[in-house]
N, C-alpha and C. Protein backbone atom coordinates (compact mmCIF):
# COMPACT_ATOMS: atom_id res chain seq x y z
N MET A 1 122.45 192.31 170.70
CA MET A 1 122.57 193.65 170.13
C MET A 1 123.28 194.68 170.77
N ILE A 2 123.29 194.54 172.28
CA ILE A 2 123.93 195.52 173.27
C ILE A 2 125.39 195.37 172.65
N CYS A 3 126.03 194.50 172.67
CA CYS A 3 127.45 194.22 172.43
C CYS A 3 127.72 194.81 171.02
N LEU A 4 127.06 194.72 169.94
CA LEU A 4 127.15 195.08 168.63
C LEU A 4 127.16 196.52 168.53
N ARG A 5 126.44 197.29 169.60
CA ARG A 5 126.41 198.64 169.56
C ARG A 5 127.81 199.21 169.87
N TYR A 6 128.53 198.56 170.89
CA TYR A 6 129.72 199.10 171.34
C TYR A 6 130.95 198.56 170.67
N VAL A 7 130.77 197.28 170.43
CA VAL A 7 131.94 196.76 169.79
C VAL A 7 131.68 196.34 168.12
N ARG A 8 132.43 196.90 167.39
CA ARG A 8 132.34 196.76 166.07
C ARG A 8 132.39 195.29 165.39
N ASP A 9 133.46 194.80 165.70
CA ASP A 9 133.73 193.35 165.21
C ASP A 9 132.83 192.32 165.74
N GLN A 10 132.08 191.61 164.84
CA GLN A 10 131.07 190.70 165.52
C GLN A 10 131.65 189.56 166.43
N ASP A 11 132.78 189.12 165.83
CA ASP A 11 133.59 188.13 166.80
C ASP A 11 133.90 188.60 168.21
N ASP A 12 134.40 189.75 168.11
CA ASP A 12 134.73 190.35 169.52
C ASP A 12 133.62 190.60 170.18
N ALA A 13 132.38 191.03 169.53
CA ALA A 13 131.21 191.24 170.43
C ALA A 13 130.70 190.03 170.96
N LEU A 14 130.89 188.83 170.23
CA LEU A 14 130.34 187.53 170.96
C LEU A 14 131.17 187.16 171.98
N ASP A 15 132.51 187.50 172.00
CA ASP A 15 133.38 187.36 173.09
C ASP A 15 132.94 188.19 174.22
N VAL A 16 132.71 189.19 174.03
CA VAL A 16 132.16 190.16 175.21
C VAL A 16 131.00 189.52 175.67
N LEU A 17 129.98 189.36 174.82
CA LEU A 17 128.80 188.75 175.27
C LEU A 17 129.12 187.53 176.17
N GLN A 18 129.80 186.60 175.73
CA GLN A 18 130.10 185.46 176.53
C GLN A 18 130.66 185.71 177.88
N ASN A 19 131.72 186.61 177.88
CA ASN A 19 132.15 186.97 179.13
C ASN A 19 131.16 187.65 180.06
N GLY A 20 130.31 188.43 179.41
CA GLY A 20 129.14 188.90 180.23
C GLY A 20 128.11 188.05 180.69
N LEU A 21 127.88 186.98 179.99
CA LEU A 21 126.99 185.96 180.52
C LEU A 21 127.49 185.13 181.45
N VAL A 22 129.02 184.84 181.36
CA VAL A 22 129.49 184.24 182.57
C VAL A 22 129.47 184.94 183.76
N LYS A 23 129.68 186.39 183.70
CA LYS A 23 129.69 187.24 185.06
C LYS A 23 128.26 187.20 185.42
N ILE A 24 127.23 187.10 184.65
CA ILE A 24 125.86 187.29 185.14
C ILE A 24 125.53 186.15 185.96
N TYR A 25 126.00 184.87 185.41
CA TYR A 25 125.68 183.63 186.01
C TYR A 25 126.51 183.53 187.35
N MET A 26 127.80 184.00 187.42
CA MET A 26 128.46 184.13 188.61
C MET A 26 127.92 184.96 189.61
N LYS A 27 127.17 186.01 189.34
CA LYS A 27 126.96 186.94 190.15
C LYS A 27 125.11 186.86 190.31
N LEU A 28 124.59 185.89 190.01
CA LEU A 28 123.30 185.63 190.11
C LEU A 28 122.76 185.76 191.66
N ASP A 29 123.54 185.38 192.37
CA ASP A 29 122.98 185.54 193.90
C ASP A 29 123.15 186.81 194.37
N HIS A 30 123.70 187.80 193.55
CA HIS A 30 123.72 189.30 194.03
C HIS A 30 122.53 190.04 193.56
N PHE A 31 121.68 189.36 192.44
CA PHE A 31 120.61 190.00 191.86
C PHE A 31 119.34 190.18 192.94
N ASP A 32 118.93 191.50 193.05
CA ASP A 32 117.73 191.71 194.05
C ASP A 32 116.61 192.25 193.01
N LEU A 33 115.54 191.51 193.00
CA LEU A 33 114.35 191.88 192.16
C LEU A 33 113.88 193.38 192.66
N SER A 34 113.99 193.43 194.09
CA SER A 34 113.44 194.63 194.59
C SER A 34 114.20 196.15 194.04
N LEU A 35 115.32 195.84 193.60
CA LEU A 35 116.16 196.98 192.99
C LEU A 35 115.94 197.22 191.67
N GLY A 36 115.27 196.29 190.89
CA GLY A 36 115.08 196.62 189.51
C GLY A 36 114.97 195.33 188.71
N SER A 37 114.60 195.38 187.46
CA SER A 37 114.44 194.33 186.59
C SER A 37 115.78 193.45 186.33
N PHE A 38 115.45 192.21 186.14
CA PHE A 38 116.65 191.38 185.67
C PHE A 38 117.45 191.98 184.36
N TYR A 39 116.61 192.28 183.53
CA TYR A 39 117.12 192.91 182.16
C TYR A 39 117.94 194.12 182.29
N GLY A 40 117.47 195.06 183.29
CA GLY A 40 118.48 196.15 183.49
C GLY A 40 119.72 195.82 184.18
N TRP A 41 119.62 194.89 185.08
CA TRP A 41 120.79 194.45 186.05
C TRP A 41 121.76 193.75 185.17
N SER A 42 121.19 192.96 184.17
CA SER A 42 122.13 192.13 183.34
C SER A 42 122.53 192.96 182.21
N SER A 43 122.03 193.97 181.63
CA SER A 43 122.48 194.82 180.71
C SER A 43 123.38 195.62 181.19
N LYS A 44 123.47 196.21 182.31
CA LYS A 44 124.43 196.82 183.09
C LYS A 44 125.78 195.83 183.00
N ILE A 45 125.73 194.86 183.39
CA ILE A 45 126.79 193.92 183.33
C ILE A 45 127.44 193.78 182.13
N VAL A 46 126.74 193.49 181.16
CA VAL A 46 127.26 193.49 179.64
C VAL A 46 127.80 194.91 179.12
N VAL A 47 127.16 195.97 179.31
CA VAL A 47 127.67 197.20 179.14
C VAL A 47 128.97 197.44 179.69
N ASN A 48 129.28 197.14 180.96
CA ASN A 48 130.46 197.25 181.60
C ASN A 48 131.39 196.39 181.14
N GLU A 49 131.17 195.18 180.58
CA GLU A 49 132.12 194.27 179.95
C GLU A 49 132.55 194.70 178.62
N CYS A 50 131.56 195.27 178.02
CA CYS A 50 131.95 196.05 176.58
C CYS A 50 133.04 197.43 176.91
N ILE A 51 132.55 197.95 177.89
CA ILE A 51 133.56 199.15 178.25
C ILE A 51 135.11 198.53 178.72
N MET A 52 135.00 197.53 179.30
CA MET A 52 136.29 196.98 179.85
C MET A 52 137.06 196.45 178.53
N PHE A 53 136.34 195.73 177.61
CA PHE A 53 136.96 195.58 176.51
C PHE A 53 137.46 196.35 175.59
N LEU A 54 136.83 197.50 175.52
CA LEU A 54 137.41 198.50 174.65
C LEU A 54 138.52 199.03 175.42
N ARG A 55 138.51 199.43 176.69
CA ARG A 55 139.64 199.79 177.38
C ARG A 55 140.98 198.97 177.12
N SER A 56 140.62 197.70 177.15
CA SER A 56 141.85 196.62 176.96
C SER A 56 142.51 196.63 175.80
N LYS A 57 141.75 197.18 174.73
CA LYS A 57 142.33 197.27 173.37
C LYS A 57 143.44 198.25 173.29
N LYS A 58 144.64 197.91 172.34
CA LYS A 58 145.57 198.74 172.28
C LYS A 58 145.13 200.04 171.88
N ARG A 59 144.15 200.14 171.00
CA ARG A 59 143.76 201.29 170.41
C ARG A 59 143.29 202.26 171.66
N ALA A 60 143.76 203.44 171.46
CA ALA A 60 143.20 204.45 172.47
C ALA A 60 141.92 205.00 172.18
N ILE A 61 140.91 204.99 173.14
CA ILE A 61 139.77 205.75 173.06
C ILE A 61 140.18 207.26 173.07
N ARG A 62 139.71 207.99 171.89
CA ARG A 62 140.22 209.28 171.88
C ARG A 62 138.94 210.25 172.16
N PHE A 63 139.17 211.08 173.19
CA PHE A 63 137.99 211.93 173.52
C PHE A 63 138.60 213.29 173.24
N HIS A 64 137.72 214.26 172.73
CA HIS A 64 138.07 215.49 172.43
C HIS A 64 137.18 216.41 173.31
N ASP A 65 137.78 217.01 174.23
CA ASP A 65 137.08 217.96 175.19
C ASP A 65 136.60 219.13 174.51
N LEU A 66 135.36 219.54 174.39
CA LEU A 66 134.75 220.74 174.06
C LEU A 66 133.78 221.26 175.16
N HIS A 67 134.41 222.34 175.69
CA HIS A 67 133.70 222.72 177.10
C HIS A 67 132.52 223.56 176.59
N ASP A 68 132.28 224.04 175.38
CA ASP A 68 131.28 224.91 175.18
C ASP A 68 130.10 224.11 174.23
N ALA A 69 130.16 222.85 174.49
CA ALA A 69 129.20 221.83 173.68
C ALA A 69 127.77 222.21 174.08
N VAL A 70 126.93 222.39 172.79
CA VAL A 70 125.57 222.70 172.98
C VAL A 70 124.78 221.45 172.63
N GLU A 71 123.61 221.33 173.26
CA GLU A 71 122.83 220.29 172.97
C GLU A 71 122.20 220.55 171.50
N LEU A 72 121.98 219.51 170.72
CA LEU A 72 121.48 219.76 169.42
C LEU A 72 119.78 219.82 169.78
N GLU A 73 119.25 220.85 169.07
CA GLU A 73 117.98 221.18 169.29
C GLU A 73 117.49 221.01 167.77
N THR A 74 116.49 220.32 167.52
CA THR A 74 115.94 219.95 166.29
C THR A 74 114.34 220.31 166.26
N THR A 75 114.00 220.94 165.41
CA THR A 75 112.59 221.33 165.23
C THR A 75 112.01 220.38 163.92
N GLU A 76 112.91 219.80 163.25
CA GLU A 76 112.52 219.13 162.07
C GLU A 76 111.99 217.71 162.62
N PRO A 77 110.81 217.27 161.66
CA PRO A 77 110.49 216.08 162.18
C PRO A 77 111.53 214.82 161.88
N THR A 78 111.46 213.76 162.80
CA THR A 78 112.45 212.78 162.77
C THR A 78 112.30 212.17 161.58
N VAL A 79 113.63 211.50 160.92
CA VAL A 79 113.54 210.82 159.79
C VAL A 79 113.86 209.16 160.34
N ILE A 80 114.21 209.13 161.59
CA ILE A 80 114.70 207.64 161.95
C ILE A 80 113.55 206.74 161.73
N ASP A 81 112.36 207.11 161.64
CA ASP A 81 111.41 206.13 161.32
C ASP A 81 111.25 205.39 160.09
N ASN A 82 112.21 205.98 159.13
CA ASN A 82 112.43 205.43 157.91
C ASN A 82 113.64 204.45 157.76
N LEU A 83 114.26 204.26 158.94
CA LEU A 83 115.42 203.28 158.91
C LEU A 83 115.00 201.98 159.93
N ASN A 84 115.56 200.90 159.67
CA ASN A 84 115.08 199.74 160.36
C ASN A 84 116.25 199.68 161.37
N ALA A 85 116.17 198.70 162.48
CA ALA A 85 116.90 198.54 163.58
C ALA A 85 118.55 198.24 162.84
N THR A 86 118.64 197.43 162.06
CA THR A 86 119.91 197.03 161.46
C THR A 86 120.70 198.01 160.89
N GLU A 87 119.90 198.94 160.28
CA GLU A 87 120.52 200.19 159.65
C GLU A 87 120.98 201.02 160.68
N ILE A 88 120.28 201.16 161.55
CA ILE A 88 120.53 202.25 162.63
C ILE A 88 121.97 201.52 163.47
N ILE A 89 121.90 200.45 163.80
CA ILE A 89 123.03 199.85 164.41
C ILE A 89 124.21 199.84 163.61
N LYS A 90 124.00 199.81 162.29
CA LYS A 90 125.31 199.95 161.23
C LYS A 90 125.76 201.34 161.24
N LEU A 91 124.90 202.43 161.41
CA LEU A 91 125.31 203.80 161.65
C LEU A 91 126.07 204.10 162.92
N ILE A 92 125.69 203.39 164.03
CA ILE A 92 126.10 203.72 165.26
C ILE A 92 127.65 203.00 165.30
N GLN A 93 127.69 201.89 164.69
CA GLN A 93 128.73 201.14 164.54
C GLN A 93 129.97 201.84 163.92
N GLN A 94 129.75 202.84 163.05
CA GLN A 94 130.62 203.51 162.15
C GLN A 94 131.05 204.84 163.12
N LEU A 95 130.47 205.19 164.21
CA LEU A 95 130.97 206.17 164.93
C LEU A 95 132.50 205.82 165.51
N PRO A 96 133.33 206.87 165.60
CA PRO A 96 134.67 206.65 166.36
C PRO A 96 134.23 205.99 167.84
N THR A 97 135.06 205.39 168.32
CA THR A 97 135.03 204.65 169.60
C THR A 97 134.29 205.48 170.70
N GLY A 98 134.86 206.76 171.11
CA GLY A 98 134.52 207.56 171.96
C GLY A 98 133.15 208.04 171.83
N TYR A 99 132.85 208.45 170.61
CA TYR A 99 131.55 209.03 170.28
C TYR A 99 130.48 207.91 170.50
N ARG A 100 130.95 206.65 169.93
CA ARG A 100 130.00 205.34 170.16
C ARG A 100 129.62 205.28 171.47
N LEU A 101 130.65 205.02 172.42
CA LEU A 101 130.51 204.89 173.72
C LEU A 101 129.67 205.77 174.40
N VAL A 102 129.87 206.99 174.29
CA VAL A 102 129.03 208.19 175.04
C VAL A 102 127.59 208.06 174.24
N PHE A 103 127.58 207.99 173.09
CA PHE A 103 126.05 207.80 172.30
C PHE A 103 125.31 206.72 173.02
N ASN A 104 125.83 205.43 173.05
CA ASN A 104 125.21 204.33 173.64
C ASN A 104 124.75 204.48 175.14
N LEU A 105 125.67 205.00 175.92
CA LEU A 105 125.48 205.26 177.24
C LEU A 105 124.46 206.08 177.59
N HIS A 106 124.46 207.33 176.78
CA HIS A 106 123.50 208.28 177.09
C HIS A 106 121.96 207.97 176.39
N ALA A 107 122.23 207.77 175.10
CA ALA A 107 120.85 207.82 174.39
C ALA A 107 120.09 206.55 174.30
N VAL A 108 121.02 205.36 174.43
CA VAL A 108 120.37 204.04 174.48
C VAL A 108 120.24 203.58 175.97
N GLU A 109 121.10 203.70 176.70
CA GLU A 109 121.15 203.15 178.04
C GLU A 109 120.57 204.05 179.18
N GLY A 110 120.47 205.36 178.75
CA GLY A 110 120.09 206.37 179.53
C GLY A 110 120.76 206.85 180.70
N TYR A 111 122.04 206.90 180.63
CA TYR A 111 122.97 207.31 181.65
C TYR A 111 122.90 208.79 181.63
N ALA A 112 123.31 209.55 182.80
CA ALA A 112 123.27 210.84 182.76
C ALA A 112 124.90 211.34 182.52
N HIS A 113 125.11 212.43 182.13
CA HIS A 113 126.51 212.86 181.61
C HIS A 113 127.56 212.68 182.94
N HIS A 114 127.14 212.98 183.96
CA HIS A 114 128.05 212.70 185.21
C HIS A 114 128.30 211.08 185.37
N GLU A 115 127.42 210.36 185.05
CA GLU A 115 127.50 208.90 185.47
C GLU A 115 128.64 208.49 184.30
N ILE A 116 128.26 208.90 182.91
CA ILE A 116 129.13 208.61 181.87
C ILE A 116 130.66 209.11 182.22
N ALA A 117 130.69 210.42 182.47
CA ALA A 117 132.04 210.95 182.92
C ALA A 117 132.88 210.08 183.92
N GLU A 118 132.10 209.72 185.07
CA GLU A 118 132.67 208.81 185.93
C GLU A 118 133.09 207.39 185.48
N MET A 119 132.27 206.84 184.69
CA MET A 119 132.59 205.60 184.03
C MET A 119 133.90 205.43 183.21
N LEU A 120 133.69 206.46 182.31
CA LEU A 120 134.85 206.66 181.32
C LEU A 120 136.22 207.41 181.71
N GLU A 121 136.09 208.04 182.90
CA GLU A 121 137.10 208.62 183.48
C GLU A 121 137.47 209.88 182.55
N VAL A 122 136.29 210.78 182.29
CA VAL A 122 136.47 211.96 181.44
C VAL A 122 135.57 213.01 182.12
N SER A 123 135.81 214.27 181.56
CA SER A 123 134.92 215.27 182.35
C SER A 123 133.53 215.24 181.78
N VAL A 124 132.57 215.81 182.41
CA VAL A 124 131.16 216.05 182.10
C VAL A 124 131.25 216.72 180.59
N GLY A 125 131.90 217.77 180.47
CA GLY A 125 132.00 218.29 179.15
C GLY A 125 132.49 217.66 178.06
N THR A 126 133.49 216.57 178.49
CA THR A 126 133.71 215.71 177.25
C THR A 126 132.71 214.92 177.00
N SER A 127 132.04 214.34 177.91
CA SER A 127 130.82 213.53 177.57
C SER A 127 129.82 214.16 176.67
N LYS A 128 129.53 215.56 177.24
CA LYS A 128 128.52 216.19 176.31
C LYS A 128 128.99 216.56 174.98
N SER A 129 130.12 216.90 174.76
CA SER A 129 130.81 217.00 173.27
C SER A 129 130.77 215.86 172.55
N GLN A 130 130.92 214.60 173.16
CA GLN A 130 130.98 213.40 172.48
C GLN A 130 129.67 213.04 171.91
N LEU A 131 128.73 213.32 172.66
CA LEU A 131 127.34 213.10 172.38
C LEU A 131 126.92 213.79 171.29
N PHE A 132 127.21 215.32 171.28
CA PHE A 132 126.89 216.33 170.38
C PHE A 132 127.50 215.74 168.98
N LYS A 133 128.89 215.57 169.16
CA LYS A 133 129.51 215.21 167.75
C LYS A 133 128.83 213.86 167.16
N ALA A 134 128.63 212.85 168.33
CA ALA A 134 127.86 211.64 167.50
C ALA A 134 126.54 211.74 166.98
N ARG A 135 125.74 212.72 167.56
CA ARG A 135 124.37 213.07 167.08
C ARG A 135 124.74 213.82 165.69
N LYS A 136 125.52 214.71 165.59
CA LYS A 136 125.87 215.42 164.30
C LYS A 136 126.21 214.51 163.13
N ILE A 137 127.03 213.60 163.52
CA ILE A 137 127.56 212.65 162.56
C ILE A 137 126.40 211.70 162.10
N LEU A 138 125.50 211.15 163.14
CA LEU A 138 124.39 210.45 162.76
C LEU A 138 123.52 211.06 161.93
N GLN A 139 123.20 212.44 162.15
CA GLN A 139 122.20 213.19 161.47
C GLN A 139 122.71 213.22 159.94
N GLU A 140 124.03 213.66 159.81
CA GLU A 140 124.62 213.67 158.36
C GLU A 140 124.40 212.39 157.72
N GLN A 141 124.82 211.08 158.45
CA GLN A 141 124.59 209.95 157.91
C GLN A 141 123.19 209.51 157.34
N ILE A 142 122.23 209.94 158.36
CA ILE A 142 120.80 209.69 157.90
C ILE A 142 120.32 210.59 156.78
N LYS A 143 120.93 211.76 156.79
CA LYS A 143 120.44 212.66 155.59
C LYS A 143 121.00 212.18 154.23
N SER A 144 122.34 211.56 154.27
CA SER A 144 122.72 211.11 153.13
C SER A 144 122.07 209.75 152.49
N ILE A 145 121.63 208.99 153.60
CA ILE A 145 120.74 207.73 153.39
C ILE A 145 119.49 208.27 152.56
N LEU A 146 118.73 209.38 153.05
CA LEU A 146 117.53 209.82 152.60
C LEU A 146 117.82 210.43 151.28
N LEU A 147 118.94 210.95 150.84
CA LEU A 147 119.19 211.47 149.46
C LEU A 147 119.35 210.32 148.56
N GLU A 148 119.65 209.08 148.97
CA GLU A 148 119.72 208.07 148.17
C GLU A 148 118.74 206.79 148.50
N PRO A 149 117.40 207.38 148.31
CA PRO A 149 116.45 206.29 148.70
C PRO A 149 116.39 204.81 148.36
N HIS A 150 116.95 204.75 147.14
CA HIS A 150 116.96 203.42 146.53
C HIS A 150 118.02 202.53 147.19
N THR A 151 119.10 203.11 147.84
CA THR A 151 120.06 202.20 148.25
C THR A 151 119.76 201.57 149.76
N HIS A 152 118.74 202.27 150.46
CA HIS A 152 118.38 201.80 151.80
C HIS A 152 117.34 201.01 152.09
N GLU A 153 116.41 200.68 150.91
CA GLU A 153 115.30 199.96 150.82
C GLU A 153 115.45 198.62 150.96
């Protein structure tokens, strides 16, 4: 599931997962249980593999810098409960690469904007704007699904 959130093509996602599993196996002697869970440690390796894969693609990851990005504040009840995990992953996969990367790293993996900026070699403002735009797109996609309830059941 981690790879599919980052890499759209299922075959590419499987390749990235395989590379990640090989790295996990090769670095098992570096795992220290006192520093965290095996799941967290191995997930970071797989996420890094996803980022390296996307960087290696000839398609450029486009980041649009928006210095005045504001966080979305919502007072409306969440509608995400009406969607299942497969539908949510499909929506995330439709995001442009830069938006998808930042959204996954921040909203799913829990990285702070300064960590994301360092990992992706972008500014903190870019990270924030990518997250803002990704959330906006996801909100619009969810609203359109809710307007057509028969297509998502």
